[in-house]
Amino acid sequence: MEQEEKKLLQNTFNLAEENNEMLHKVRGVQKRHAIFGIVKIIIIIGIATGGYYFLQPLVKNVLKFVQDSGASIDQLKNLGSMFQGGAPSLDKLKDIMPR
């Protein structure tokens, strides 16, 4: 081999090594990106599950309050209709009052 051919071969070898190093770095970045993507999804699911776990009793209480309020409003409507025909009897009032 002549000196010029050896120089070109050495230059090609150096470029191939540099290219190989860059490819390894790119692959490492891809792996880290995939891992952080999975971690991000796990965190989002964890926050949603935790939020549901802690907020469920509050939502249940609010729904119960709304349902009870609706029942109270219905009782008031019934009470109003009882007064339209004159003074209600005590038996009708006892039916409305909770025990």
PDB file of N, CA and C in Angstrom:
ATOM      1  N   MET A   1       0.837  -1.183   0.000  1.00  0.00           N
ATOM      2  CA  MET A   1       0.000   0.000   0.000  1.00  0.00           C
ATOM      3  C   MET A   1       0.877   1.239   0.000  1.00  0.00           C
ATOM      4  N   GLU A   2       0.387   2.174  -0.711  1.00  0.00           N
ATOM      5  CA  GLU A   2       1.119   3.419  -0.763  1.00  0.00           C
ATOM      6  C   GLU A   2       0.727   4.293   0.419  1.00  0.00           C
ATOM      7  N   GLN A   3       1.492   5.294   0.642  1.00  0.00           N
ATOM      8  CA  GLN A   3       1.283   6.201   1.786  1.00  0.00           C
ATOM      9  C   GLN A   3      -0.076   6.907   1.685  1.00  0.00           C
ATOM     10  N   GLU A   4      -0.444   7.307   0.474  1.00  0.00           N
ATOM     11  CA  GLU A   4      -1.708   8.020   0.282  1.00  0.00           C
ATOM     12  C   GLU A   4      -2.903   7.102   0.573  1.00  0.00           C
ATOM     13  N   GLU A   5      -2.824   5.842   0.149  1.00  0.00           N
ATOM     14  CA  GLU A   5      -3.899   4.884   0.404  1.00  0.00           C
ATOM     15  C   GLU A   5      -4.032   4.617   1.902  1.00  0.00           C
ATOM     16  N   LYS A   6      -2.899   4.501   2.580  1.00  0.00           N
ATOM     17  CA  LYS A   6      -2.937   4.285   4.032  1.00  0.00           C
ATOM     18  C   LYS A   6      -3.577   5.483   4.737  1.00  0.00           C
ATOM     19  N   LYS A   7      -3.245   6.669   4.270  1.00  0.00           N
ATOM     20  CA  LYS A   7      -3.818   7.873   4.867  1.00  0.00           C
ATOM     21  C   LYS A   7      -5.330   7.905   4.662  1.00  0.00           C
ATOM     22  N   LEU A   8      -5.797   7.597   3.453  1.00  0.00           N
ATOM     23  CA  LEU A   8      -7.239   7.561   3.182  1.00  0.00           C
ATOM     24  C   LEU A   8      -7.931   6.478   4.021  1.00  0.00           C
ATOM     25  N   LEU A   9      -7.302   5.326   4.142  1.00  0.00           N
ATOM     26  CA  LEU A   9      -7.871   4.241   4.936  1.00  0.00           C
ATOM     27  C   LEU A   9      -7.945   4.628   6.408  1.00  0.00           C
ATOM     28  N   GLN A  10      -6.903   5.266   6.904  1.00  0.00           N
ATOM     29  CA  GLN A  10      -6.909   5.719   8.309  1.00  0.00           C
ATOM     30  C   GLN A  10      -7.975   6.788   8.527  1.00  0.00           C
ATOM     31  N   ASN A  11      -8.126   7.694   7.559  1.00  0.00           N
ATOM     32  CA  ASN A  11      -9.143   8.739   7.647  1.00  0.00           C
ATOM     33  C   ASN A  11     -10.547   8.105   7.657  1.00  0.00           C
ATOM     34  N   THR A  12     -10.776   7.131   6.814  1.00  0.00           N
ATOM     35  CA  THR A  12     -12.069   6.428   6.770  1.00  0.00           C
ATOM     36  C   THR A  12     -12.328   5.708   8.083  1.00  0.00           C
ATOM     37  N   PHE A  13     -11.288   5.086   8.619  1.00  0.00           N
ATOM     38  CA  PHE A  13     -11.428   4.388   9.905  1.00  0.00           C
ATOM     39  C   PHE A  13     -11.788   5.363  11.027  1.00  0.00           C
ATOM     40  N   ASN A  14     -11.137   6.515  11.047  1.00  0.00           N
ATOM     41  CA  ASN A  14     -11.436   7.533  12.062  1.00  0.00           C
ATOM     42  C   ASN A  14     -12.871   8.039  11.929  1.00  0.00           C
ATOM     43  N   LEU A  15     -13.309   8.262  10.704  1.00  0.00           N
ATOM     44  CA  LEU A  15     -14.683   8.705  10.481  1.00  0.00           C
ATOM     45  C   LEU A  15     -15.689   7.632  10.926  1.00  0.00           C
ATOM     46  N   ALA A  16     -15.395   6.378  10.664  1.00  0.00           N
ATOM     47  CA  ALA A  16     -16.285   5.289  11.065  1.00  0.00           C
ATOM     48  C   ALA A  16     -16.365   5.200  12.595  1.00  0.00           C
ATOM     49  N   GLU A  17     -15.252   5.365  13.285  1.00  0.00           N
ATOM     50  CA  GLU A  17     -15.265   5.344  14.757  1.00  0.00           C
ATOM     51  C   GLU A  17     -16.081   6.521  15.306  1.00  0.00           C
ATOM     52  N   GLU A  18     -15.884   7.712  14.718  1.00  0.00           N
ATOM     53  CA  GLU A  18     -16.636   8.880  15.163  1.00  0.00           C
ATOM     54  C   GLU A  18     -18.139   8.695  14.915  1.00  0.00           C
ATOM     55  N   ASN A  19     -18.453   8.136  13.771  1.00  0.00           N
ATOM     56  CA  ASN A  19     -19.858   7.863  13.439  1.00  0.00           C
ATOM     57  C   ASN A  19     -20.447   6.849  14.419  1.00  0.00           C
ATOM     58  N   ASN A  20     -19.695   5.847  14.760  1.00  0.00           N
ATOM     59  CA  ASN A  20     -20.154   4.825  15.699  1.00  0.00           C
ATOM     60  C   ASN A  20     -20.424   5.432  17.078  1.00  0.00           C
ATOM     61  N   GLU A  21     -19.555   6.317  17.531  1.00  0.00           N
ATOM     62  CA  GLU A  21     -19.756   6.985  18.824  1.00  0.00           C
ATOM     63  C   GLU A  21     -21.036   7.826  18.803  1.00  0.00           C
ATOM     64  N   MET A  22     -21.233   8.569  17.704  1.00  0.00           N
ATOM     65  CA  MET A  22     -22.445   9.384  17.610  1.00  0.00           C
ATOM     66  C   MET A  22     -23.701   8.515  17.589  1.00  0.00           C
ATOM     67  N   LEU A  23     -23.655   7.392  16.896  1.00  0.00           N
ATOM     68  CA  LEU A  23     -24.813   6.496  16.854  1.00  0.00           C
ATOM     69  C   LEU A  23     -25.125   5.922  18.237  1.00  0.00           C
ATOM     70  N   HIS A  24     -24.112   5.602  18.998  1.00  0.00           N
ATOM     71  CA  HIS A  24     -24.320   5.104  20.359  1.00  0.00           C
ATOM     72  C   HIS A  24     -24.959   6.193  21.233  1.00  0.00           C
ATOM     73  N   LYS A  25     -24.525   7.435  21.072  1.00  0.00           N
ATOM     74  CA  LYS A  25     -25.117   8.533  21.840  1.00  0.00           C
ATOM     75  C   LYS A  25     -26.578   8.747  21.450  1.00  0.00           C
ATOM     76  N   VAL A  26     -26.866   8.668  20.155  1.00  0.00           N
ATOM     77  CA  VAL A  26     -28.250   8.836  19.695  1.00  0.00           C
ATOM     78  C   VAL A  26     -29.123   7.719  20.258  1.00  0.00           C
ATOM     79  N   ARG A  27     -28.611   6.516  20.262  1.00  0.00           N
ATOM     80  CA  ARG A  27     -29.383   5.391  20.803  1.00  0.00           C
ATOM     81  C   ARG A  27     -29.628   5.574  22.302  1.00  0.00           C
ATOM     82  N   GLY A  28     -28.647   6.089  23.016  1.00  0.00           N
ATOM     83  CA  GLY A  28     -28.829   6.365  24.443  1.00  0.00           C
ATOM     84  C   GLY A  28     -29.911   7.409  24.689  1.00  0.00           C
ATOM     85  N   VAL A  29     -29.926   8.434  23.843  1.00  0.00           N
ATOM     86  CA  VAL A  29     -30.958   9.466  23.962  1.00  0.00           C
ATOM     87  C   VAL A  29     -32.332   8.866  23.697  1.00  0.00           C
ATOM     88  N   GLN A  30     -32.436   7.979  22.716  1.00  0.00           N
ATOM     89  CA  GLN A  30     -33.716   7.327  22.417  1.00  0.00           C
ATOM     90  C   GLN A  30     -34.191   6.482  23.600  1.00  0.00           C
ATOM     91  N   LYS A  31     -33.281   5.768  24.226  1.00  0.00           N
ATOM     92  CA  LYS A  31     -33.651   4.938  25.383  1.00  0.00           C
ATOM     93  C   LYS A  31     -34.141   5.804  26.537  1.00  0.00           C
ATOM     94  N   ARG A  32     -33.408   6.889  26.825  1.00  0.00           N
ATOM     95  CA  ARG A  32     -33.831   7.790  27.909  1.00  0.00           C
ATOM     96  C   ARG A  32     -35.179   8.425  27.605  1.00  0.00           C
ATOM     97  N   HIS A  33     -35.410   8.786  26.360  1.00  0.00           N
ATOM     98  CA  HIS A  33     -36.682   9.369  25.971  1.00  0.00           C
ATOM     99  C   HIS A  33     -37.829   8.374  26.192  1.00  0.00           C
ATOM    100  N   ALA A  34     -37.615   7.125  25.836  1.00  0.00           N
ATOM    101  CA  ALA A  34     -38.648   6.102  26.030  1.00  0.00           C
ATOM    102  C   ALA A  34     -38.921   5.879  27.522  1.00  0.00           C
ATOM    103  N   ILE A  35     -37.873   5.824  28.314  1.00  0.00           N
ATOM    104  CA  ILE A  35     -38.039   5.606  29.758  1.00  0.00           C
ATOM    105  C   ILE A  35     -38.775   6.774  30.394  1.00  0.00           C
ATOM    106  N   PHE A  36     -38.408   7.999  30.045  1.00  0.00           N
ATOM    107  CA  PHE A  36     -39.081   9.164  30.622  1.00  0.00           C
ATOM    108  C   PHE A  36     -40.530   9.262  30.147  1.00  0.00           C
ATOM    109  N   GLY A  37     -40.807   8.810  28.935  1.00  0.00           N
ATOM    110  CA  GLY A  37     -42.190   8.779  28.453  1.00  0.00           C
ATOM    111  C   GLY A  37     -43.039   7.828  29.276  1.00  0.00           C
ATOM    112  N   ILE A  38     -42.494   6.659  29.579  1.00  0.00           N
ATOM    113  CA  ILE A  38     -43.217   5.686  30.403  1.00  0.00           C
ATOM    114  C   ILE A  38     -43.413   6.227  31.813  1.00  0.00           C
ATOM    115  N   VAL A  39     -42.365   6.844  32.360  1.00  0.00           N
ATOM    116  CA  VAL A  39     -42.471   7.418  33.712  1.00  0.00           C
ATOM    117  C   VAL A  39     -43.529   8.517  33.731  1.00  0.00           C
ATOM    118  N   LYS A  40     -43.577   9.330  32.685  1.00  0.00           N
ATOM    119  CA  LYS A  40     -44.566  10.404  32.607  1.00  0.00           C
ATOM    120  C   LYS A  40     -45.990   9.833  32.596  1.00  0.00           C
ATOM    121  N   ILE A  41     -46.211   8.771  31.835  1.00  0.00           N
ATOM    122  CA  ILE A  41     -47.534   8.149  31.784  1.00  0.00           C
ATOM    123  C   ILE A  41     -47.894   7.560  33.143  1.00  0.00           C
ATOM    124  N   ILE A  42     -46.949   6.928  33.819  1.00  0.00           N
ATOM    125  CA  ILE A  42     -47.200   6.361  35.141  1.00  0.00           C
ATOM    126  C   ILE A  42     -47.552   7.469  36.132  1.00  0.00           C
ATOM    127  N   ILE A  43     -46.863   8.593  36.061  1.00  0.00           N
ATOM    128  CA  ILE A  43     -47.156   9.718  36.964  1.00  0.00           C
ATOM    129  C   ILE A  43     -48.556  10.262  36.702  1.00  0.00           C
ATOM    130  N   ILE A  44     -48.928  10.407  35.434  1.00  0.00           N
ATOM    131  CA  ILE A  44     -50.258  10.921  35.103  1.00  0.00           C
ATOM    132  C   ILE A  44     -51.343   9.976  35.610  1.00  0.00           C
ATOM    133  N   ILE A  45     -51.164   8.678  35.405  1.00  0.00           N
ATOM    134  CA  ILE A  45     -52.147   7.696  35.894  1.00  0.00           C
ATOM    135  C   ILE A  45     -52.197   7.720  37.415  1.00  0.00           C
ATOM    136  N   GLY A  46     -51.038   7.849  38.062  1.00  0.00           N
ATOM    137  CA  GLY A  46     -51.003   7.904  39.525  1.00  0.00           C
ATOM    138  C   GLY A  46     -51.724   9.124  40.073  1.00  0.00           C
ATOM    139  N   ILE A  47     -51.524  10.273  39.444  1.00  0.00           N
ATOM    140  CA  ILE A  47     -52.206  11.493  39.896  1.00  0.00           C
ATOM    141  C   ILE A  47     -53.712  11.352  39.710  1.00  0.00           C
ATOM    142  N   ALA A  48     -54.128  10.807  38.582  1.00  0.00           N
ATOM    143  CA  ALA A  48     -55.566  10.631  38.336  1.00  0.00           C
ATOM    144  C   ALA A  48     -56.180   9.663  39.341  1.00  0.00           C
ATOM    145  N   THR A  49     -55.490   8.574  39.616  1.00  0.00           N
ATOM    146  CA  THR A  49     -56.002   7.594  40.577  1.00  0.00           C
ATOM    147  C   THR A  49     -56.036   8.190  41.981  1.00  0.00           C
ATOM    148  N   GLY A  50     -54.984   8.878  42.369  1.00  0.00           N
ATOM    149  CA  GLY A  50     -54.954   9.515  43.685  1.00  0.00           C
ATOM    150  C   GLY A  50     -56.030  10.577  43.820  1.00  0.00           C
ATOM    151  N   GLY A  51     -56.221  11.368  42.771  1.00  0.00           N
ATOM    152  CA  GLY A  51     -57.273  12.377  42.799  1.00  0.00           C
ATOM    153  C   GLY A  51     -58.641  11.750  42.956  1.00  0.00           C
ATOM    154  N   TYR A  52     -58.884  10.668  42.239  1.00  0.00           N
ATOM    155  CA  TYR A  52     -60.172   9.973  42.370  1.00  0.00           C
ATOM    156  C   TYR A  52     -60.329   9.425  43.785  1.00  0.00           C
ATOM    157  N   TYR A  53     -59.270   8.859  44.330  1.00  0.00           N
ATOM    158  CA  TYR A  53     -59.327   8.252  45.667  1.00  0.00           C
ATOM    159  C   TYR A  53     -59.648   9.301  46.730  1.00  0.00           C
ATOM    160  N   PHE A  54     -59.021  10.487  46.619  1.00  0.00           N
ATOM    161  CA  PHE A  54     -59.234  11.517  47.630  1.00  0.00           C
ATOM    162  C   PHE A  54     -60.494  12.347  47.391  1.00  0.00           C
ATOM    163  N   LEU A  55     -60.915  12.491  46.145  1.00  0.00           N
ATOM    164  CA  LEU A  55     -62.081  13.314  45.847  1.00  0.00           C
ATOM    165  C   LEU A  55     -63.393  12.540  45.857  1.00  0.00           C
ATOM    166  N   GLN A  56     -63.334  11.215  45.795  1.00  0.00           N
ATOM    167  CA  GLN A  56     -64.556  10.422  45.753  1.00  0.00           C
ATOM    168  C   GLN A  56     -65.465  10.677  46.954  1.00  0.00           C
ATOM    169  N   PRO A  57     -64.968  10.705  48.192  1.00  0.00           N
ATOM    170  CA  PRO A  57     -65.874  10.983  49.318  1.00  0.00           C
ATOM    171  C   PRO A  57     -66.500  12.375  49.231  1.00  0.00           C
ATOM    172  N   LEU A  58     -65.750  13.350  48.757  1.00  0.00           N
ATOM    173  CA  LEU A  58     -66.302  14.699  48.625  1.00  0.00           C
ATOM    174  C   LEU A  58     -67.419  14.734  47.589  1.00  0.00           C
ATOM    175  N   VAL A  59     -67.192  14.091  46.466  1.00  0.00           N
ATOM    176  CA  VAL A  59     -68.208  14.054  45.410  1.00  0.00           C
ATOM    177  C   VAL A  59     -69.437  13.311  45.905  1.00  0.00           C
ATOM    178  N   LYS A  60     -69.222  12.225  46.629  1.00  0.00           N
ATOM    179  CA  LYS A  60     -70.344  11.454  47.162  1.00  0.00           C
ATOM    180  C   LYS A  60     -71.171  12.314  48.124  1.00  0.00           C
ATOM    181  N   ASN A  61     -70.509  13.099  48.981  1.00  0.00           N
ATOM    182  CA  ASN A  61     -71.228  13.977  49.912  1.00  0.00           C
ATOM    183  C   ASN A  61     -72.004  15.060  49.177  1.00  0.00           C
ATOM    184  N   VAL A  62     -71.423  15.636  48.137  1.00  0.00           N
ATOM    185  CA  VAL A  62     -72.112  16.673  47.373  1.00  0.00           C
ATOM    186  C   VAL A  62     -73.343  16.091  46.682  1.00  0.00           C
ATOM    187  N   LEU A  63     -73.201  14.907  46.093  1.00  0.00           N
ATOM    188  CA  LEU A  63     -74.344  14.276  45.435  1.00  0.00           C
ATOM    189  C   LEU A  63     -75.449  13.963  46.442  1.00  0.00           C
ATOM    190  N   LYS A  64     -75.082  13.485  47.618  1.00  0.00           N
ATOM    191  CA  LYS A  64     -76.074  13.195  48.657  1.00  0.00           C
ATOM    192  C   LYS A  64     -76.776  14.477  49.074  1.00  0.00           C
ATOM    193  N   PHE A  65     -76.033  15.565  49.221  1.00  0.00           N
ATOM    194  CA  PHE A  65     -76.613  16.856  49.592  1.00  0.00           C
ATOM    195  C   PHE A  65     -77.611  17.322  48.533  1.00  0.00           C
ATOM    196  N   VAL A  66     -77.242  17.182  47.261  1.00  0.00           N
ATOM    197  CA  VAL A  66     -78.134  17.607  46.178  1.00  0.00           C
ATOM    198  C   VAL A  66     -79.402  16.758  46.179  1.00  0.00           C
ATOM    199  N   GLN A  67     -79.270  15.460  46.376  1.00  0.00           N
ATOM    200  CA  GLN A  67     -80.447  14.590  46.405  1.00  0.00           C
ATOM    201  C   GLN A  67     -81.336  14.920  47.599  1.00  0.00           C
ATOM    202  N   ASP A  68     -80.729  15.139  48.752  1.00  0.00           N
ATOM    203  CA  ASP A  68     -81.512  15.493  49.936  1.00  0.00           C
ATOM    204  C   ASP A  68     -82.199  16.845  49.756  1.00  0.00           C
ATOM    205  N   SER A  69     -81.523  17.773  49.111  1.00  0.00           N
ATOM    206  CA  SER A  69     -82.118  19.090  48.851  1.00  0.00           C
ATOM    207  C   SER A  69     -83.322  18.943  47.930  1.00  0.00           C
ATOM    208  N   GLY A  70     -83.201  18.093  46.933  1.00  0.00           N
ATOM    209  CA  GLY A  70     -84.323  17.860  46.019  1.00  0.00           C
ATOM    210  C   GLY A  70     -85.515  17.265  46.755  1.00  0.00           C
ATOM    211  N   ALA A  71     -85.249  16.330  47.668  1.00  0.00           N
ATOM    212  CA  ALA A  71     -86.332  15.727  48.445  1.00  0.00           C
ATOM    213  C   ALA A  71     -86.978  16.769  49.353  1.00  0.00           C
ATOM    214  N   SER A  72     -86.172  17.664  49.929  1.00  0.00           N
ATOM    215  CA  SER A  72     -86.717  18.717  50.794  1.00  0.00           C
ATOM    216  C   SER A  72     -87.583  19.680  49.989  1.00  0.00           C
ATOM    217  N   ILE A  73     -87.150  20.005  48.793  1.00  0.00           N
ATOM    218  CA  ILE A  73     -87.944  20.893  47.943  1.00  0.00           C
ATOM    219  C   ILE A  73     -89.268  20.239  47.588  1.00  0.00           C
ATOM    220  N   ASP A  74     -89.252  18.936  47.303  1.00  0.00           N
ATOM    221  CA  ASP A  74     -90.497  18.222  47.011  1.00  0.00           C
ATOM    222  C   ASP A  74     -91.428  18.242  48.214  1.00  0.00           C
ATOM    223  N   GLN A  75     -90.881  18.094  49.403  1.00  0.00           N
ATOM    224  CA  GLN A  75     -91.709  18.141  50.610  1.00  0.00           C
ATOM    225  C   GLN A  75     -92.323  19.526  50.796  1.00  0.00           C
ATOM    226  N   LEU A  76     -91.558  20.571  50.500  1.00  0.00           N
ATOM    227  CA  LEU A  76     -92.093  21.935  50.607  1.00  0.00           C
ATOM    228  C   LEU A  76     -93.213  22.162  49.591  1.00  0.00           C
ATOM    229  N   LYS A  77     -93.060  21.610  48.394  1.00  0.00           N
ATOM    230  CA  LYS A  77     -94.119  21.728  47.398  1.00  0.00           C
ATOM    231  C   LYS A  77     -95.387  21.037  47.880  1.00  0.00           C
ATOM    232  N   ASN A  78     -95.233  19.848  48.446  1.00  0.00           N
ATOM    233  CA  ASN A  78     -96.389  19.120  48.977  1.00  0.00           C
ATOM    234  C   ASN A  78     -97.038  19.898  50.116  1.00  0.00           C
ATOM    235  N   LEU A  79     -96.237  20.522  50.951  1.00  0.00           N
ATOM    236  CA  LEU A  79     -96.759  21.309  52.064  1.00  0.00           C
ATOM    237  C   LEU A  79     -97.572  22.500  51.542  1.00  0.00           C
ATOM    238  N   GLY A  80     -97.060  23.147  50.500  1.00  0.00           N
ATOM    239  CA  GLY A  80     -97.774  24.267  49.902  1.00  0.00           C
ATOM    240  C   GLY A  80     -99.101  23.845  49.314  1.00  0.00           C
ATOM    241  N   SER A  81     -99.138  22.679  48.681  1.00  0.00           N
ATOM    242  CA  SER A  81    -100.396  22.212  48.103  1.00  0.00           C
ATOM    243  C   SER A  81    -101.396  21.845  49.195  1.00  0.00           C
ATOM    244  N   MET A  82    -100.932  21.456  50.354  1.00  0.00           N
ATOM    245  CA  MET A  82    -101.838  21.101  51.454  1.00  0.00           C
ATOM    246  C   MET A  82    -102.506  22.356  52.016  1.00  0.00           C
ATOM    247  N   PHE A  83    -101.815  23.501  51.974  1.00  0.00           N
ATOM    248  CA  PHE A  83    -102.380  24.738  52.511  1.00  0.00           C
ATOM    249  C   PHE A  83    -103.371  25.396  51.547  1.00  0.00           C
ATOM    250  N   GLN A  84    -103.364  24.998  50.310  1.00  0.00           N
ATOM    251  CA  GLN A  84    -104.260  25.619  49.346  1.00  0.00           C
ATOM    252  C   GLN A  84    -105.723  25.304  49.649  1.00  0.00           C
ATOM    253  N   GLY A  85    -105.983  24.164  50.193  1.00  0.00           N
ATOM    254  CA  GLY A  85    -107.359  23.780  50.479  1.00  0.00           C
ATOM    255  C   GLY A  85    -107.797  24.173  51.877  1.00  0.00           C
ATOM    256  N   GLY A  86    -107.088  25.023  52.556  1.00  0.00           N
ATOM    257  CA  GLY A  86    -107.407  25.407  53.918  1.00  0.00           C
ATOM    258  C   GLY A  86    -106.357  24.877  54.875  1.00  0.00           C
ATOM    259  N   ALA A  87    -106.632  24.921  56.154  1.00  0.00           N
ATOM    260  CA  ALA A  87    -105.681  24.473  57.161  1.00  0.00           C
ATOM    261  C   ALA A  87    -105.558  22.954  57.106  1.00  0.00           C
ATOM    262  N   PRO A  88    -104.330  22.424  57.078  1.00  0.00           N
ATOM    263  CA  PRO A  88    -104.157  20.978  57.011  1.00  0.00           C
ATOM    264  C   PRO A  88    -104.438  20.334  58.374  1.00  0.00           C
ATOM    265  N   SER A  89    -104.781  19.080  58.311  1.00  0.00           N
ATOM    266  CA  SER A  89    -104.989  18.358  59.560  1.00  0.00           C
ATOM    267  C   SER A  89    -103.646  17.916  60.118  1.00  0.00           C
ATOM    268  N   LEU A  90    -103.620  17.556  61.385  1.00  0.00           N
ATOM    269  CA  LEU A  90    -102.373  17.124  62.025  1.00  0.00           C
ATOM    270  C   LEU A  90    -101.864  15.830  61.424  1.00  0.00           C
ATOM    271  N   ASP A  91    -102.738  14.972  60.963  1.00  0.00           N
ATOM    272  CA  ASP A  91    -102.296  13.709  60.342  1.00  0.00           C
ATOM    273  C   ASP A  91    -101.483  13.968  59.093  1.00  0.00           C
ATOM    274  N   LYS A  92    -101.880  14.931  58.293  1.00  0.00           N
ATOM    275  CA  LYS A  92    -101.126  15.242  57.061  1.00  0.00           C
ATOM    276  C   LYS A  92     -99.749  15.817  57.419  1.00  0.00           C
ATOM    277  N   LEU A  93     -99.678  16.658  58.457  1.00  0.00           N
ATOM    278  CA  LEU A  93     -98.397  17.229  58.859  1.00  0.00           C
ATOM    279  C   LEU A  93     -97.459  16.165  59.422  1.00  0.00           C
ATOM    280  N   LYS A  94     -98.027  15.191  60.136  1.00  0.00           N
ATOM    281  CA  LYS A  94     -97.192  14.107  60.670  1.00  0.00           C
ATOM    282  C   LYS A  94     -96.582  13.286  59.562  1.00  0.00           C
ATOM    283  N   ASP A  95     -97.290  13.132  58.444  1.00  0.00           N
ATOM    284  CA  ASP A  95     -96.756  12.364  57.319  1.00  0.00           C
ATOM    285  C   ASP A  95     -95.542  13.047  56.683  1.00  0.00           C
ATOM    286  N   ILE A  96     -95.534  14.370  56.724  1.00  0.00           N
ATOM    287  CA  ILE A  96     -94.437  15.119  56.106  1.00  0.00           C
ATOM    288  C   ILE A  96     -93.208  15.142  57.003  1.00  0.00           C
ATOM    289  N   MET A  97     -93.365  15.273  58.271  1.00  0.00           N
ATOM    290  CA  MET A  97     -92.244  15.418  59.203  1.00  0.00           C
ATOM    291  C   MET A  97     -91.432  14.128  59.272  1.00  0.00           C
ATOM    292  N   PRO A  98     -90.127  14.239  59.205  1.00  0.00           N
ATOM    293  CA  PRO A  98     -89.288  13.042  59.370  1.00  0.00           C
ATOM    294  C   PRO A  98     -89.299  12.555  60.812  1.00  0.00           C
ATOM    295  N   ARG A  99     -89.081  11.298  60.980  1.00  0.00           N
ATOM    296  CA  ARG A  99     -89.117  10.730  62.325  1.00  0.00           C
ATOM    297  C   ARG A  99     -87.738  10.442  62.806  1.00  0.00           C
TER     298      ARG A  99
END
